[in-house]
Amino acid sequence: MTTSDLDVNLIATFRAIAGSEREVRRMIVEYGGVVRAEPGNVFFEVYTDADDEANFVIIERYQHQAAFDGHLATEVGAVFNQALTPLIEGAASELQFLTRRL
């Protein structure tokens, strides 16, 4: 089995700028519906920190690297990220890639 055959798992975290939490939530929920319909997406789950709704956590899984690459290449993703960037702290979300060992 090659690494391209393995599923891709990641956690994306970011913090909404004060006052933009509602708009960020609306955007990410809408975008999540698009991502879930992409070929090879297993799940795209949206969370906020239990104590701070400005902190967002997105957990994603794709069936394989090609599905994740396809996700990254979508125009809707580029438009989403461009619209999200001015509403969050920092230049982009922080990504943590995970390897399933079970």
C-alpha atoms as a PDB file:
ATOM      1  CA  MET A   1       0.000   0.000   0.000  1.00  0.00           C
ATOM      2  CA  THR A   2       1.351   3.421  -0.928  1.00  0.00           C
ATOM      3  CA  THR A   3       0.708   6.669   0.916  1.00  0.00           C
ATOM      4  CA  SER A   4      -1.564   7.765  -1.937  1.00  0.00           C
ATOM      5  CA  ASP A   5      -3.844   4.806  -1.063  1.00  0.00           C
ATOM      6  CA  LEU A   6      -4.234   5.886   2.565  1.00  0.00           C
ATOM      7  CA  ASP A   7      -7.084   8.045   3.721  1.00  0.00           C
ATOM      8  CA  VAL A   8      -6.295  11.693   4.486  1.00  0.00           C
ATOM      9  CA  ASN A   9      -7.347  12.946   7.908  1.00  0.00           C
ATOM     10  CA  LEU A  10      -6.931  16.465   9.171  1.00  0.00           C
ATOM     11  CA  ILE A  11      -7.998  19.007  11.723  1.00  0.00           C
ATOM     12  CA  ALA A  12      -8.213  22.661  10.696  1.00  0.00           C
ATOM     13  CA  THR A  13      -8.419  25.279  13.425  1.00  0.00           C
ATOM     14  CA  PHE A  14      -8.875  29.040  13.280  1.00  0.00           C
ATOM     15  CA  ARG A  15     -10.246  31.903  15.313  1.00  0.00           C
ATOM     16  CA  ALA A  16     -12.842  34.343  14.015  1.00  0.00           C
ATOM     17  CA  ILE A  17     -12.114  38.041  14.461  1.00  0.00           C
ATOM     18  CA  ALA A  18     -14.361  39.591  17.120  1.00  0.00           C
ATOM     19  CA  GLY A  19     -17.722  40.424  15.626  1.00  0.00           C
ATOM     20  CA  SER A  20     -17.395  38.048  12.660  1.00  0.00           C
ATOM     21  CA  GLU A  21     -18.283  34.812  14.478  1.00  0.00           C
ATOM     22  CA  ARG A  22     -21.821  34.592  13.074  1.00  0.00           C
ATOM     23  CA  GLU A  23     -20.712  35.223   9.496  1.00  0.00           C
ATOM     24  CA  VAL A  24     -17.858  32.717   9.784  1.00  0.00           C
ATOM     25  CA  ARG A  25     -20.254  30.100  11.195  1.00  0.00           C
ATOM     26  CA  ARG A  26     -22.714  30.690   8.353  1.00  0.00           C
ATOM     27  CA  MET A  27     -19.972  30.440   5.729  1.00  0.00           C
ATOM     28  CA  ILE A  28     -18.363  27.287   7.127  1.00  0.00           C
ATOM     29  CA  VAL A  29     -21.688  25.478   7.521  1.00  0.00           C
ATOM     30  CA  GLU A  30     -22.611  26.333   3.925  1.00  0.00           C
ATOM     31  CA  TYR A  31     -19.177  25.311   2.645  1.00  0.00           C
ATOM     32  CA  GLY A  32     -19.373  22.074   4.626  1.00  0.00           C
ATOM     33  CA  GLY A  33     -22.412  21.034   2.606  1.00  0.00           C
ATOM     34  CA  VAL A  34     -20.434  21.523  -0.599  1.00  0.00           C
ATOM     35  CA  VAL A  35     -17.408  19.595   0.691  1.00  0.00           C
ATOM     36  CA  ARG A  36     -19.518  16.658   1.901  1.00  0.00           C
ATOM     37  CA  ALA A  37     -20.815  16.230  -1.665  1.00  0.00           C
ATOM     38  CA  GLU A  38     -17.302  16.044  -3.156  1.00  0.00           C
ATOM     39  CA  PRO A  39     -16.152  12.660  -4.462  1.00  0.00           C
ATOM     40  CA  GLY A  40     -14.073  10.878  -1.839  1.00  0.00           C
ATOM     41  CA  ASN A  41     -15.079  13.024   1.130  1.00  0.00           C
ATOM     42  CA  VAL A  42     -15.886  10.803   4.114  1.00  0.00           C
ATOM     43  CA  PHE A  43     -16.798  13.580   6.513  1.00  0.00           C
ATOM     44  CA  PHE A  44     -16.441  17.292   7.175  1.00  0.00           C
ATOM     45  CA  GLU A  45     -17.473  18.165  10.727  1.00  0.00           C
ATOM     46  CA  VAL A  46     -17.699  21.702  12.090  1.00  0.00           C
ATOM     47  CA  TYR A  47     -17.199  22.470  15.774  1.00  0.00           C
ATOM     48  CA  THR A  48     -16.622  25.466  17.994  1.00  0.00           C
ATOM     49  CA  ASP A  49     -14.783  25.435  21.287  1.00  0.00           C
ATOM     50  CA  ALA A  50     -17.230  24.686  24.123  1.00  0.00           C
ATOM     51  CA  ASP A  51     -16.069  27.792  25.992  1.00  0.00           C
ATOM     52  CA  ASP A  52     -15.321  30.143  23.091  1.00  0.00           C
ATOM     53  CA  GLU A  53     -17.486  30.168  19.952  1.00  0.00           C
ATOM     54  CA  ALA A  54     -14.891  32.223  18.083  1.00  0.00           C
ATOM     55  CA  ASN A  55     -12.564  29.197  17.991  1.00  0.00           C
ATOM     56  CA  PHE A  56     -13.504  26.881  15.133  1.00  0.00           C
ATOM     57  CA  VAL A  57     -12.373  23.293  14.648  1.00  0.00           C
ATOM     58  CA  ILE A  58     -13.029  21.416  11.411  1.00  0.00           C
ATOM     59  CA  ILE A  59     -12.372  17.656  11.222  1.00  0.00           C
ATOM     60  CA  GLU A  60     -12.105  16.208   7.724  1.00  0.00           C
ATOM     61  CA  ARG A  61     -11.490  12.799   6.166  1.00  0.00           C
ATOM     62  CA  TYR A  62     -10.984  11.892   2.522  1.00  0.00           C
ATOM     63  CA  GLN A  63     -10.835   8.350   1.122  1.00  0.00           C
ATOM     64  CA  HIS A  64      -7.367   8.858  -0.408  1.00  0.00           C
ATOM     65  CA  GLN A  65      -4.854  11.493  -1.466  1.00  0.00           C
ATOM     66  CA  ALA A  66      -6.460  11.964  -4.886  1.00  0.00           C
ATOM     67  CA  ALA A  67      -9.778  12.871  -3.244  1.00  0.00           C
ATOM     68  CA  PHE A  68      -8.033  15.399  -0.998  1.00  0.00           C
ATOM     69  CA  ASP A  69      -6.115  16.840  -3.951  1.00  0.00           C
ATOM     70  CA  GLY A  70      -9.411  17.190  -5.811  1.00  0.00           C
ATOM     71  CA  HIS A  71     -10.874  19.024  -2.809  1.00  0.00           C
ATOM     72  CA  LEU A  72      -7.952  21.451  -2.767  1.00  0.00           C
ATOM     73  CA  ALA A  73      -8.334  22.156  -6.484  1.00  0.00           C
ATOM     74  CA  THR A  74     -11.972  23.270  -6.435  1.00  0.00           C
ATOM     75  CA  GLU A  75     -12.893  26.810  -7.398  1.00  0.00           C
ATOM     76  CA  VAL A  76     -15.515  26.942  -4.645  1.00  0.00           C
ATOM     77  CA  GLY A  77     -12.771  26.192  -2.106  1.00  0.00           C
ATOM     78  CA  ALA A  78     -10.610  29.025  -3.426  1.00  0.00           C
ATOM     79  CA  VAL A  79     -13.542  31.441  -3.265  1.00  0.00           C
ATOM     80  CA  PHE A  80     -14.409  30.272   0.259  1.00  0.00           C
ATOM     81  CA  ASN A  81     -10.842  30.700   1.526  1.00  0.00           C
ATOM     82  CA  GLN A  82     -10.558  34.143  -0.045  1.00  0.00           C
ATOM     83  CA  ALA A  83     -13.781  35.251   1.678  1.00  0.00           C
ATOM     84  CA  LEU A  84     -12.816  33.655   5.012  1.00  0.00           C
ATOM     85  CA  THR A  85      -9.295  35.076   5.301  1.00  0.00           C
ATOM     86  CA  PRO A  86     -10.247  38.649   6.307  1.00  0.00           C
ATOM     87  CA  LEU A  87     -12.666  37.286   8.937  1.00  0.00           C
ATOM     88  CA  ILE A  88     -10.146  35.193  10.892  1.00  0.00           C
ATOM     89  CA  GLU A  89      -7.004  35.837  12.879  1.00  0.00           C
ATOM     90  CA  GLY A  90      -3.782  35.058  11.040  1.00  0.00           C
ATOM     91  CA  ALA A  91      -3.242  34.359   7.360  1.00  0.00           C
ATOM     92  CA  ALA A  92      -5.009  30.960   7.234  1.00  0.00           C
ATOM     93  CA  SER A  93      -6.298  28.105   9.322  1.00  0.00           C
ATOM     94  CA  GLU A  94      -3.785  25.889  11.082  1.00  0.00           C
ATOM     95  CA  LEU A  95      -3.765  22.345   9.698  1.00  0.00           C
ATOM     96  CA  GLN A  96      -2.848  19.195  11.566  1.00  0.00           C
ATOM     97  CA  PHE A  97      -2.629  16.031   9.458  1.00  0.00           C
ATOM     98  CA  LEU A  98      -3.298  12.754  11.266  1.00  0.00           C
ATOM     99  CA  THR A  99      -2.354   9.164  10.515  1.00  0.00           C
ATOM    100  CA  ARG A 100      -4.740   6.450  11.614  1.00  0.00           C
ATOM    101  CA  ARG A 101      -2.780   3.638  13.247  1.00  0.00           C
ATOM    102  CA  LEU A 102      -5.632   1.249  14.034  1.00  0.00           C
END
